[in-house]
Amino acid sequence: MQAQSTLVFLLLFGLGFAAHFIYKMIMEKNRISKNQEQARSIIKGAEKQAEEIKNRADNRAKKLVKDKNSQMQRMSSEKRKEFSATEKKLKAREEKLGKEYEEIDRKKAELEKVQTELESKNLALEEKQKTLAENIEDIKGKIEEVSGFTRETAKAELVSLVEDEARHEAAKRLKQIEEECNSSAERKAKDIISLAIQRYSGSYTSEKTVSVVNLPSDDVKGRIIGREGRNIRSIELRTGVDIIIDDTPETVVISCFNPIRREVAKISLERLIADGRIHPARIEEVVTEVEKELEREIQKEGEQALFDLGISGMHPELINKLGMLKYRTSYSQNILNHSIEVGFICGMLASEIGYNEKLAKRAGLLHDIGKAVDHEVEGSHVDIGTNIVKKYGEPPEIIDALEKTHDPQPQGVLPLLVQAADAISAARPGARRETYENYVKRIESIEGVASSFPGVERCYAIQAGREVRVIVESDQVSDEEGAILSHEIAKKIEKEVVYPGQIKIMVIRESRATAYAS
């Protein structure tokens, strides 16, 4: 019985194992079938994607080929147009050359014809010359018979007459050449000067020893003075100027011969007024700040002057003194602008005569350097300037030129150039202003001189007295007398009137005839 049970158990176990194995096999087969289906789907998708990629690549390749073809066709069309235009130009040039060759052949034929005519005329002229020579010999013989002079005697008499006439003509010609040389030399000098003036034109400012500060209201005057005058004393002591506060409305005057101090005081006072805080401590702070700024500005101006003139290798202290000239004026001219102008003109004059242009510019720029400190150092600005350039190692030519800045008879080319450039800068129109009274007086003097001559009807001084137009009576002064009158007026003005530059005198003579038809 137990054996049967064991057998049944083994049989059931075998059946269960077989059933489990069959189940596993079925499940594995289903999984493999499913995987194969997924693989086929993936392959199909990949094939479809590959087909799409291939189609896109084909389309892109076709587009590129099409673009390249259109580009090549366009380039080919442009090249054909260029070739066509070039071919047209060549044809036109060929036609032009053909016409020129035809013209040359025609002119050559004309020249040959003219040459033939000239040869025939030369032959005829030679025949006539022979005949004329024979006639002259016959006439000479007849003259000798009539006059009683031999040929040698007549020749000697003729030579004597010709010599006297030649001496007279030579004297006249010599005088004419001398006058032409003087006129040419004067004209050349004027051309050089006028060219130098034309190539440079500068600005000018008024000369003054006071500066004016405008106030927003008269109430500010009390704040500038301060309690018991402590503010105004602080400004004056710190800057070294005199501040004048009077009844002039909304105005404060700063007076000082030192232009740097005056400028420092002016800028400081303007900043204090704008800031509103005016007390000794603030005054000290602002003045110190302005002094530093002005020192930088002075150095910058000196460097800019050297840059404008193309000068290098100058001592920094000398550059600083050049910058100080910006705040110095003389005869209404700003000294720094005047010095730059003299440097330019001096260089231009030097280039015209073949002298060292850079050295001339340097001398012109430094010729008034002494005026930067002449209010602090005793002596003339010439002596002060000479000592300054010696101190800072300027070349001997520069020192010599500065020493002879105002020498009436300077020796050397560079001193003469500096003096000429200085005179040009000072005398050119607009460089130096004069008072209204002196201007009116000069105009009246010029018009008075022109009106003093007989036959003058009216005269007008125009262009600030640089031109005088004189209208004369046509029945009293002829055209020839008008030319003489202009020279006489010019000579009298030169003797009796003091004026800068030159004055042009224009004499106008007008004749009028009037009739009426009724």
Foldseek 3Di string as FASTA:
>chain_A
DVVVVVVVVVVVVVVVVVVVVVVVVVVVVVVVVVVVVVVVVVVVVVVVVVVVVVVVVVVVVVVVVVVVVVVVVVVVVVVVVVVVVVVVVVVVVVVVVVVVVVVVVVVVVVVVVVVVVVVVVVVVVVVVVVVVVVVVVVVLVVCCVVVVDDPVRVVVVVVVVVVVVVVVVVVVVVVVVVVVVVVVVVVVVVVLLVVLPVVDDFAFAFADQKDKAFAPFPVVVDVCCDDVRQQVVLLCVVLVWHWDDDPDTRMIMIGDNQLVSNVLSRVLVVVCRVVVDGDNVSSVVSSVVSNVVVQVQLLVLLVVLCVVLVHDDFDSVLSSLLSLQQRHDDLRGRLSRLLSSLLSSLLSSCVVVVHDSRVLSVLSNLLQSLRSCCVPDDDDSLVSSLVVCVVRPDDPVSSLLSNCCPPPDRDDDSVVSNNVSSLSQCQPPPNGDDDPVVLVVLQVVLQVLLVVDPQFDGKGQDPSNQEIETEGEPVVADPVNQVVSQVVSLVVCVVPGDGGDHHHYHYDYDDDDDDDDD
